[in-house]
Amino acid sequence: MGPVDAPVGLVVFSDYQCPYCAKWSAETLPAMMEYAKAGDLRIEWRDLNLFGPASERASRAAYAAALQGEDAYLEYHHALFNNGENRSEEQLSDEALIALAGDLGLDTEAFTADFHAPETAEVVAGNAQLGPDLGVYSTPAFILGGQPIMGAQPTEVFLGAVEPALSDKE
């Protein structure tokens, strides 16, 4: 989210079964999205899929939604973390994830094809490997303006980090 050439970047290492990731998405992401909408912040997600196959399925589904546009991704992402809570493993089955795409008005034929595509699995696996390659082994974890923020931190921590990062870029 946000322009590719934004002055500050935020990489979010997350898992769709992580309750703290769901809480961050509900409580802190809206404040970070304001910076992205203003063109000051680029937000990128890297799902680590630490909780197993259901997490990996959710990541493939979110990626398939993203292929239909940023708005589709955000809507799907928010649905996976509905009201700051993560979904049960049963709600992360192939059938449930495809049904969710339909409920959100996505092109389910394209979504299903992308969800099952080997290219999607490859991208999701590459994103998942980035975390351990950088020493990230738990979620949530963040890199904001090149600085790590580990664990579930309040919104104020992110606001306190983004403002100086933006000042450094001026």
N, C-alpha and C. Protein backbone atom coordinates (compact mmCIF):
# COMPACT_ATOMS: atom_id res chain seq x y z
N MET A 1 0.84 -1.16 0.00
CA MET A 1 0.00 0.00 0.00
C MET A 1 0.89 1.23 0.00
N GLY A 2 0.44 2.27 -0.62
CA GLY A 2 1.23 3.48 -0.71
C GLY A 2 2.12 3.45 -1.92
N PRO A 3 2.69 4.60 -2.27
CA PRO A 3 3.52 4.66 -3.48
C PRO A 3 4.83 3.88 -3.32
N VAL A 4 5.26 3.29 -4.40
CA VAL A 4 6.50 2.52 -4.40
C VAL A 4 7.69 3.40 -4.00
N ASP A 5 7.63 4.68 -4.38
CA ASP A 5 8.74 5.58 -4.09
C ASP A 5 8.50 6.44 -2.83
N ALA A 6 7.64 5.96 -1.93
CA ALA A 6 7.40 6.69 -0.68
C ALA A 6 8.72 6.86 0.07
N PRO A 7 8.88 7.95 0.80
CA PRO A 7 10.14 8.19 1.49
C PRO A 7 10.45 7.18 2.60
N VAL A 8 9.43 6.55 3.16
CA VAL A 8 9.64 5.59 4.25
C VAL A 8 8.90 4.30 3.93
N GLY A 9 9.52 3.18 4.27
CA GLY A 9 8.91 1.88 4.06
C GLY A 9 8.61 1.18 5.37
N LEU A 10 7.55 0.38 5.34
CA LEU A 10 7.17 -0.46 6.48
C LEU A 10 6.95 -1.86 5.94
N VAL A 11 7.73 -2.81 6.43
CA VAL A 11 7.54 -4.21 6.08
C VAL A 11 6.90 -4.88 7.29
N VAL A 12 5.77 -5.53 7.06
CA VAL A 12 5.01 -6.19 8.11
C VAL A 12 5.19 -7.69 7.97
N PHE A 13 5.77 -8.32 8.98
CA PHE A 13 5.90 -9.78 9.01
C PHE A 13 4.74 -10.28 9.86
N SER A 14 3.86 -11.06 9.24
CA SER A 14 2.59 -11.39 9.87
C SER A 14 2.23 -12.84 9.61
N ASP A 15 1.17 -13.31 10.27
CA ASP A 15 0.59 -14.62 10.05
C ASP A 15 -0.90 -14.49 10.28
N TYR A 16 -1.70 -15.01 9.37
CA TYR A 16 -3.14 -14.85 9.47
C TYR A 16 -3.77 -15.64 10.61
N GLN A 17 -3.00 -16.44 11.34
CA GLN A 17 -3.51 -17.12 12.52
C GLN A 17 -2.95 -16.50 13.81
N CYS A 18 -2.20 -15.45 13.70
CA CYS A 18 -1.58 -14.79 14.85
C CYS A 18 -2.57 -13.78 15.45
N PRO A 19 -2.99 -13.97 16.70
CA PRO A 19 -3.94 -13.02 17.29
C PRO A 19 -3.37 -11.62 17.46
N TYR A 20 -2.07 -11.51 17.69
CA TYR A 20 -1.45 -10.20 17.84
C TYR A 20 -1.37 -9.47 16.50
N CYS A 21 -1.20 -10.23 15.43
CA CYS A 21 -1.21 -9.65 14.08
C CYS A 21 -2.60 -9.11 13.76
N ALA A 22 -3.62 -9.85 14.15
CA ALA A 22 -5.00 -9.40 13.93
C ALA A 22 -5.27 -8.12 14.70
N LYS A 23 -4.80 -8.07 15.93
CA LYS A 23 -4.99 -6.88 16.75
C LYS A 23 -4.26 -5.68 16.14
N TRP A 24 -3.01 -5.87 15.69
CA TRP A 24 -2.25 -4.79 15.06
C TRP A 24 -2.99 -4.29 13.82
N SER A 25 -3.51 -5.23 13.04
CA SER A 25 -4.21 -4.87 11.81
C SER A 25 -5.43 -4.00 12.11
N ALA A 26 -6.13 -4.32 13.18
CA ALA A 26 -7.34 -3.56 13.53
C ALA A 26 -7.01 -2.22 14.19
N GLU A 27 -5.98 -2.20 15.03
CA GLU A 27 -5.71 -1.02 15.84
C GLU A 27 -4.68 -0.06 15.23
N THR A 28 -3.62 -0.58 14.64
CA THR A 28 -2.51 0.27 14.20
C THR A 28 -2.50 0.50 12.69
N LEU A 29 -2.89 -0.50 11.92
CA LEU A 29 -2.87 -0.35 10.47
C LEU A 29 -3.64 0.88 9.99
N PRO A 30 -4.81 1.20 10.54
CA PRO A 30 -5.50 2.41 10.05
C PRO A 30 -4.65 3.68 10.16
N ALA A 31 -3.90 3.82 11.24
CA ALA A 31 -3.02 5.00 11.39
C ALA A 31 -1.90 4.97 10.36
N MET A 32 -1.35 3.80 10.09
CA MET A 32 -0.28 3.68 9.10
C MET A 32 -0.82 3.91 7.69
N MET A 33 -2.07 3.52 7.45
CA MET A 33 -2.69 3.73 6.14
C MET A 33 -2.85 5.22 5.84
N GLU A 34 -3.02 6.03 6.86
CA GLU A 34 -3.11 7.49 6.64
C GLU A 34 -1.80 8.01 6.04
N TYR A 35 -0.68 7.52 6.53
CA TYR A 35 0.61 7.90 5.97
C TYR A 35 0.76 7.39 4.54
N ALA A 36 0.28 6.16 4.29
CA ALA A 36 0.35 5.60 2.94
C ALA A 36 -0.51 6.41 1.98
N LYS A 37 -1.71 6.78 2.40
CA LYS A 37 -2.60 7.57 1.54
C LYS A 37 -2.01 8.94 1.24
N ALA A 38 -1.25 9.48 2.20
CA ALA A 38 -0.62 10.79 2.00
C ALA A 38 0.63 10.70 1.12
N GLY A 39 1.05 9.46 0.79
CA GLY A 39 2.22 9.28 -0.05
C GLY A 39 3.53 9.23 0.71
N ASP A 40 3.46 9.18 2.04
CA ASP A 40 4.66 9.20 2.87
C ASP A 40 5.17 7.83 3.27
N LEU A 41 4.37 6.79 3.09
CA LEU A 41 4.73 5.46 3.60
C LEU A 41 4.33 4.39 2.60
N ARG A 42 5.21 3.44 2.39
CA ARG A 42 4.93 2.25 1.58
C ARG A 42 4.83 1.09 2.56
N ILE A 43 3.70 0.37 2.55
CA ILE A 43 3.50 -0.78 3.44
C ILE A 43 3.52 -2.04 2.61
N GLU A 44 4.35 -2.99 3.01
CA GLU A 44 4.43 -4.28 2.34
C GLU A 44 4.29 -5.39 3.37
N TRP A 45 3.54 -6.43 3.00
CA TRP A 45 3.33 -7.56 3.90
C TRP A 45 4.18 -8.74 3.45
N ARG A 46 4.73 -9.42 4.43
CA ARG A 46 5.45 -10.69 4.21
C ARG A 46 4.91 -11.67 5.23
N ASP A 47 4.06 -12.58 4.77
CA ASP A 47 3.44 -13.55 5.66
C ASP A 47 4.43 -14.67 5.95
N LEU A 48 4.68 -14.91 7.24
CA LEU A 48 5.65 -15.94 7.62
C LEU A 48 5.05 -17.34 7.69
N ASN A 49 3.74 -17.44 7.88
CA ASN A 49 3.05 -18.73 7.91
C ASN A 49 3.61 -19.68 8.96
N LEU A 50 3.82 -19.17 10.15
CA LEU A 50 4.40 -19.94 11.25
C LEU A 50 3.44 -20.97 11.83
N PHE A 51 2.14 -20.77 11.63
CA PHE A 51 1.16 -21.63 12.27
C PHE A 51 0.72 -22.79 11.38
N GLY A 52 1.41 -23.01 10.27
CA GLY A 52 1.16 -24.20 9.48
C GLY A 52 0.34 -24.01 8.22
N PRO A 53 -0.23 -25.11 7.72
CA PRO A 53 -0.92 -25.11 6.43
C PRO A 53 -2.06 -24.10 6.32
N ALA A 54 -2.83 -23.90 7.37
CA ALA A 54 -3.94 -22.94 7.29
C ALA A 54 -3.41 -21.53 7.08
N SER A 55 -2.30 -21.21 7.70
CA SER A 55 -1.68 -19.90 7.51
C SER A 55 -1.21 -19.73 6.07
N GLU A 56 -0.61 -20.79 5.54
CA GLU A 56 -0.13 -20.74 4.16
C GLU A 56 -1.29 -20.60 3.18
N ARG A 57 -2.40 -21.28 3.44
CA ARG A 57 -3.59 -21.14 2.58
C ARG A 57 -4.11 -19.70 2.62
N ALA A 58 -4.17 -19.14 3.81
CA ALA A 58 -4.65 -17.75 3.95
C ALA A 58 -3.73 -16.79 3.20
N SER A 59 -2.43 -17.03 3.25
CA SER A 59 -1.49 -16.18 2.52
C SER A 59 -1.68 -16.29 1.02
N ARG A 60 -1.89 -17.52 0.54
CA ARG A 60 -2.15 -17.69 -0.89
C ARG A 60 -3.44 -16.98 -1.29
N ALA A 61 -4.45 -17.05 -0.42
CA ALA A 61 -5.72 -16.39 -0.70
C ALA A 61 -5.56 -14.86 -0.73
N ALA A 62 -4.83 -14.34 0.24
CA ALA A 62 -4.60 -12.89 0.27
C ALA A 62 -3.84 -12.44 -0.97
N TYR A 63 -2.87 -13.24 -1.38
CA TYR A 63 -2.11 -12.91 -2.60
C TYR A 63 -3.02 -12.96 -3.83
N ALA A 64 -3.88 -13.98 -3.89
CA ALA A 64 -4.82 -14.08 -5.02
C ALA A 64 -5.74 -12.87 -5.05
N ALA A 65 -6.16 -12.41 -3.89
CA ALA A 65 -6.99 -11.20 -3.83
C ALA A 65 -6.18 -9.99 -4.30
N ALA A 66 -4.93 -9.91 -3.91
CA ALA A 66 -4.07 -8.78 -4.30
C ALA A 66 -3.91 -8.70 -5.81
N LEU A 67 -3.95 -9.82 -6.48
CA LEU A 67 -3.84 -9.81 -7.94
C LEU A 67 -5.05 -9.14 -8.59
N GLN A 68 -6.09 -8.90 -7.80
CA GLN A 68 -7.27 -8.17 -8.30
C GLN A 68 -7.23 -6.70 -7.88
N GLY A 69 -6.12 -6.27 -7.29
CA GLY A 69 -5.94 -4.86 -6.96
C GLY A 69 -5.71 -4.62 -5.47
N GLU A 70 -5.13 -3.44 -5.18
CA GLU A 70 -4.83 -3.08 -3.79
C GLU A 70 -6.07 -3.06 -2.92
N ASP A 71 -7.16 -2.50 -3.45
CA ASP A 71 -8.40 -2.44 -2.67
C ASP A 71 -8.92 -3.83 -2.36
N ALA A 72 -8.84 -4.74 -3.34
CA ALA A 72 -9.29 -6.11 -3.12
C ALA A 72 -8.43 -6.78 -2.05
N TYR A 73 -7.12 -6.53 -2.11
CA TYR A 73 -6.23 -7.10 -1.08
C TYR A 73 -6.62 -6.59 0.31
N LEU A 74 -6.75 -5.29 0.45
CA LEU A 74 -7.04 -4.72 1.76
C LEU A 74 -8.37 -5.23 2.31
N GLU A 75 -9.37 -5.30 1.46
CA GLU A 75 -10.67 -5.80 1.90
C GLU A 75 -10.57 -7.27 2.34
N TYR A 76 -9.83 -8.06 1.58
CA TYR A 76 -9.66 -9.48 1.92
C TYR A 76 -8.84 -9.61 3.21
N HIS A 77 -7.77 -8.84 3.30
CA HIS A 77 -6.92 -8.84 4.50
C HIS A 77 -7.75 -8.51 5.74
N HIS A 78 -8.56 -7.46 5.65
CA HIS A 78 -9.40 -7.07 6.78
C HIS A 78 -10.42 -8.15 7.11
N ALA A 79 -10.93 -8.83 6.11
CA ALA A 79 -11.89 -9.91 6.35
C ALA A 79 -11.22 -11.08 7.06
N LEU A 80 -9.97 -11.36 6.71
CA LEU A 80 -9.25 -12.44 7.40
C LEU A 80 -8.98 -12.10 8.85
N PHE A 81 -8.83 -10.82 9.14
CA PHE A 81 -8.62 -10.34 10.52
C PHE A 81 -9.86 -9.58 10.99
N ASN A 82 -11.02 -10.15 10.76
CA ASN A 82 -12.28 -9.49 11.04
C ASN A 82 -12.38 -8.99 12.48
N ASN A 83 -12.54 -7.67 12.61
CA ASN A 83 -12.67 -7.03 13.93
C ASN A 83 -11.50 -7.33 14.86
N GLY A 84 -10.31 -7.47 14.29
CA GLY A 84 -9.12 -7.68 15.09
C GLY A 84 -8.98 -9.09 15.63
N GLU A 85 -9.69 -10.03 15.03
CA GLU A 85 -9.59 -11.43 15.45
C GLU A 85 -9.23 -12.29 14.24
N ASN A 86 -8.44 -13.31 14.50
CA ASN A 86 -8.10 -14.21 13.41
C ASN A 86 -9.17 -15.29 13.27
N ARG A 87 -9.24 -15.87 12.11
CA ARG A 87 -10.23 -16.91 11.82
C ARG A 87 -9.75 -18.26 12.31
N SER A 88 -10.70 -19.15 12.52
CA SER A 88 -10.38 -20.52 12.93
C SER A 88 -9.76 -21.26 11.74
N GLU A 89 -9.12 -22.38 12.04
CA GLU A 89 -8.52 -23.18 10.98
C GLU A 89 -9.59 -23.65 9.98
N GLU A 90 -10.77 -23.96 10.47
CA GLU A 90 -11.87 -24.38 9.59
C GLU A 90 -12.27 -23.25 8.63
N GLN A 91 -12.19 -22.01 9.10
CA GLN A 91 -12.53 -20.86 8.27
C GLN A 91 -11.42 -20.51 7.29
N LEU A 92 -10.31 -21.25 7.36
CA LEU A 92 -9.20 -21.04 6.44
C LEU A 92 -9.01 -22.23 5.50
N SER A 93 -10.08 -23.00 5.30
CA SER A 93 -10.04 -24.10 4.33
C SER A 93 -10.08 -23.50 2.93
N ASP A 94 -9.70 -24.28 1.94
CA ASP A 94 -9.77 -23.82 0.55
C ASP A 94 -11.17 -23.30 0.23
N GLU A 95 -12.18 -24.10 0.57
CA GLU A 95 -13.55 -23.75 0.25
C GLU A 95 -13.97 -22.45 0.93
N ALA A 96 -13.64 -22.31 2.19
CA ALA A 96 -14.03 -21.11 2.94
C ALA A 96 -13.33 -19.87 2.39
N LEU A 97 -12.07 -19.99 2.02
CA LEU A 97 -11.33 -18.84 1.49
C LEU A 97 -11.87 -18.42 0.13
N ILE A 98 -12.25 -19.37 -0.70
CA ILE A 98 -12.83 -19.06 -2.00
C ILE A 98 -14.22 -18.44 -1.80
N ALA A 99 -14.99 -18.98 -0.87
CA ALA A 99 -16.32 -18.42 -0.58
C ALA A 99 -16.19 -16.98 -0.08
N LEU A 100 -15.18 -16.71 0.74
CA LEU A 100 -14.95 -15.36 1.23
C LEU A 100 -14.70 -14.40 0.06
N ALA A 101 -13.91 -14.85 -0.91
CA ALA A 101 -13.66 -14.02 -2.09
C ALA A 101 -14.97 -13.67 -2.78
N GLY A 102 -15.85 -14.64 -2.91
CA GLY A 102 -17.15 -14.39 -3.52
C GLY A 102 -17.99 -13.43 -2.68
N ASP A 103 -17.97 -13.62 -1.37
CA ASP A 103 -18.71 -12.72 -0.47
C ASP A 103 -18.25 -11.28 -0.61
N LEU A 104 -16.97 -11.10 -0.92
CA LEU A 104 -16.41 -9.76 -1.05
C LEU A 104 -16.55 -9.18 -2.46
N GLY A 105 -17.15 -9.96 -3.35
CA GLY A 105 -17.38 -9.48 -4.71
C GLY A 105 -16.20 -9.61 -5.64
N LEU A 106 -15.22 -10.43 -5.27
CA LEU A 106 -14.08 -10.65 -6.16
C LEU A 106 -14.48 -11.59 -7.28
N ASP A 107 -13.72 -11.58 -8.34
CA ASP A 107 -13.91 -12.51 -9.46
C ASP A 107 -13.45 -13.88 -8.96
N THR A 108 -14.40 -14.73 -8.59
CA THR A 108 -14.03 -16.00 -7.95
C THR A 108 -13.35 -16.97 -8.90
N GLU A 109 -13.65 -16.87 -10.18
CA GLU A 109 -12.98 -17.75 -11.14
C GLU A 109 -11.48 -17.42 -11.20
N ALA A 110 -11.18 -16.13 -11.34
CA ALA A 110 -9.77 -15.70 -11.36
C ALA A 110 -9.12 -15.94 -10.00
N PHE A 111 -9.86 -15.67 -8.93
CA PHE A 111 -9.33 -15.87 -7.59
C PHE A 111 -8.94 -17.34 -7.39
N THR A 112 -9.84 -18.24 -7.74
CA THR A 112 -9.59 -19.68 -7.55
C THR A 112 -8.37 -20.12 -8.36
N ALA A 113 -8.29 -19.66 -9.60
CA ALA A 113 -7.14 -20.03 -10.44
C ALA A 113 -5.85 -19.50 -9.83
N ASP A 114 -5.87 -18.24 -9.39
CA ASP A 114 -4.67 -17.65 -8.79
C ASP A 114 -4.33 -18.31 -7.45
N PHE A 115 -5.34 -18.62 -6.66
CA PHE A 115 -5.15 -19.27 -5.36
C PHE A 115 -4.43 -20.61 -5.52
N HIS A 116 -4.78 -21.35 -6.55
CA HIS A 116 -4.18 -22.68 -6.78
C HIS A 116 -2.94 -22.66 -7.67
N ALA A 117 -2.59 -21.50 -8.23
CA ALA A 117 -1.48 -21.42 -9.18
C ALA A 117 -0.13 -21.69 -8.52
N PRO A 118 0.74 -22.45 -9.18
CA PRO A 118 2.08 -22.68 -8.65
C PRO A 118 2.86 -21.38 -8.43
N GLU A 119 2.61 -20.39 -9.28
CA GLU A 119 3.29 -19.10 -9.14
C GLU A 119 2.93 -18.43 -7.81
N THR A 120 1.67 -18.56 -7.39
CA THR A 120 1.24 -18.00 -6.12
C THR A 120 1.95 -18.70 -4.97
N ALA A 121 2.00 -20.00 -5.01
CA ALA A 121 2.69 -20.76 -3.96
C ALA A 121 4.16 -20.37 -3.89
N GLU A 122 4.76 -20.14 -5.05
CA GLU A 122 6.17 -19.75 -5.10
C GLU A 122 6.40 -18.38 -4.47
N VAL A 123 5.54 -17.41 -4.77
CA VAL A 123 5.67 -16.07 -4.20
C VAL A 123 5.46 -16.12 -2.69
N VAL A 124 4.43 -16.84 -2.26
CA VAL A 124 4.13 -16.96 -0.82
C VAL A 124 5.30 -17.62 -0.09
N ALA A 125 5.88 -18.65 -0.66
CA ALA A 125 7.03 -19.32 -0.04
C ALA A 125 8.23 -18.38 0.03
N GLY A 126 8.45 -17.62 -1.02
CA GLY A 126 9.56 -16.64 -1.02
C GLY A 126 9.37 -15.57 0.04
N ASN A 127 8.15 -15.06 0.16
CA ASN A 127 7.87 -14.07 1.19
C ASN A 127 8.07 -14.66 2.58
N ALA A 128 7.64 -15.90 2.78
CA ALA A 128 7.78 -16.55 4.08
C ALA A 128 9.25 -16.75 4.44
N GLN A 129 10.08 -16.99 3.45
CA GLN A 129 11.51 -17.21 3.70
C GLN A 129 12.25 -15.92 4.02
N LEU A 130 11.73 -14.80 3.57
CA LEU A 130 12.39 -13.52 3.82
C LEU A 130 12.55 -13.25 5.32
N GLY A 131 11.53 -13.59 6.11
CA GLY A 131 11.61 -13.37 7.55
C GLY A 131 12.81 -14.07 8.18
N PRO A 132 12.89 -15.38 8.09
CA PRO A 132 14.05 -16.06 8.67
C PRO A 132 15.39 -15.60 8.08
N ASP A 133 15.38 -15.24 6.79
CA ASP A 133 16.61 -14.73 6.19
C ASP A 133 17.09 -13.46 6.87
N LEU A 134 16.12 -12.69 7.42
CA LEU A 134 16.45 -11.44 8.12
C LEU A 134 16.49 -11.60 9.64
N GLY A 135 16.32 -12.85 10.12
CA GLY A 135 16.34 -13.10 11.55
C GLY A 135 15.00 -12.91 12.25
N VAL A 136 13.91 -12.93 11.47
CA VAL A 136 12.58 -12.79 12.05
C VAL A 136 11.97 -14.19 12.16
N TYR A 137 11.68 -14.59 13.40
CA TYR A 137 11.15 -15.93 13.64
C TYR A 137 9.82 -15.93 14.36
N SER A 138 9.25 -14.75 14.60
CA SER A 138 7.95 -14.67 15.26
C SER A 138 7.16 -13.51 14.68
N THR A 139 5.86 -13.53 14.93
CA THR A 139 5.00 -12.48 14.43
C THR A 139 4.24 -11.86 15.59
N PRO A 140 3.87 -10.61 15.46
CA PRO A 140 4.21 -9.71 14.38
C PRO A 140 5.62 -9.15 14.56
N ALA A 141 6.22 -8.79 13.48
CA ALA A 141 7.51 -8.11 13.48
C ALA A 141 7.48 -7.12 12.31
N PHE A 142 8.25 -6.06 12.45
CA PHE A 142 8.18 -4.97 11.49
C PHE A 142 9.56 -4.39 11.23
N ILE A 143 9.73 -3.85 10.05
CA ILE A 143 10.88 -3.01 9.74
C ILE A 143 10.29 -1.69 9.26
N LEU A 144 10.51 -0.64 10.02
CA LEU A 144 9.95 0.67 9.71
C LEU A 144 11.09 1.65 9.51
N GLY A 145 11.23 2.13 8.30
CA GLY A 145 12.31 3.05 8.00
C GLY A 145 13.68 2.44 8.25
N GLY A 146 13.78 1.13 8.04
CA GLY A 146 15.04 0.42 8.23
C GLY A 146 15.30 -0.04 9.65
N GLN A 147 14.42 0.30 10.59
CA GLN A 147 14.60 -0.07 11.99
C GLN A 147 13.60 -1.17 12.39
N PRO A 148 14.07 -2.20 13.10
CA PRO A 148 13.15 -3.26 13.51
C PRO A 148 12.26 -2.83 14.68
N ILE A 149 11.04 -3.31 14.64
CA ILE A 149 10.10 -3.20 15.76
C ILE A 149 9.58 -4.62 15.97
N MET A 150 9.85 -5.18 17.12
CA MET A 150 9.51 -6.58 17.35
C MET A 150 8.31 -6.70 18.27
N GLY A 151 7.42 -7.61 17.92
CA GLY A 151 6.31 -7.95 18.79
C GLY A 151 5.14 -6.99 18.70
N ALA A 152 4.16 -7.31 19.52
CA ALA A 152 2.92 -6.53 19.57
C ALA A 152 3.18 -5.23 20.33
N GLN A 153 3.29 -4.16 19.60
CA GLN A 153 3.55 -2.85 20.19
C GLN A 153 2.33 -1.96 19.97
N PRO A 154 2.09 -1.02 20.87
CA PRO A 154 0.95 -0.11 20.67
C PRO A 154 1.17 0.84 19.50
N THR A 155 0.09 1.40 19.02
CA THR A 155 0.12 2.31 17.88
C THR A 155 1.11 3.44 18.10
N GLU A 156 1.20 3.93 19.32
CA GLU A 156 2.09 5.05 19.63
C GLU A 156 3.55 4.75 19.27
N VAL A 157 3.95 3.50 19.40
CA VAL A 157 5.32 3.11 19.05
C VAL A 157 5.55 3.35 17.55
N PHE A 158 4.57 3.00 16.74
CA PHE A 158 4.71 3.17 15.29
C PHE A 158 4.65 4.64 14.90
N LEU A 159 3.76 5.37 15.54
CA LEU A 159 3.69 6.81 15.26
C LEU A 159 4.99 7.48 15.69
N GLY A 160 5.55 7.04 16.81
CA GLY A 160 6.80 7.59 17.29
C GLY A 160 8.00 7.22 16.43
N ALA A 161 7.85 6.18 15.63
CA ALA A 161 8.94 5.77 14.73
C ALA A 161 8.79 6.37 13.33
N VAL A 162 7.57 6.51 12.85
CA VAL A 162 7.37 6.98 11.48
C VAL A 162 7.69 8.47 11.36
N GLU A 163 7.35 9.25 12.35
CA GLU A 163 7.59 10.70 12.26
C GLU A 163 9.10 11.02 12.15
N PRO A 164 9.95 10.47 13.02
CA PRO A 164 11.39 10.72 12.84
C PRO A 164 11.94 10.18 11.52
N ALA A 165 11.42 9.04 11.09
CA ALA A 165 11.88 8.48 9.80
C ALA A 165 11.53 9.43 8.67
N LEU A 166 10.37 10.03 8.72
CA LEU A 166 9.97 11.00 7.69
C LEU A 166 10.84 12.25 7.78
N SER A 167 11.13 12.70 8.99
CA SER A 167 11.98 13.89 9.18
C SER A 167 13.37 13.67 8.63
N ASP A 168 13.88 12.44 8.79
CA ASP A 168 15.21 12.11 8.28
C ASP A 168 15.27 12.16 6.76
N LYS A 169 14.11 11.96 6.10
CA LYS A 169 14.06 11.92 4.64
C LYS A 169 13.89 13.30 4.02
N GLU A 170 13.59 14.31 4.83
CA GLU A 170 13.38 15.67 4.29
C GLU A 170 14.67 16.37 3.96
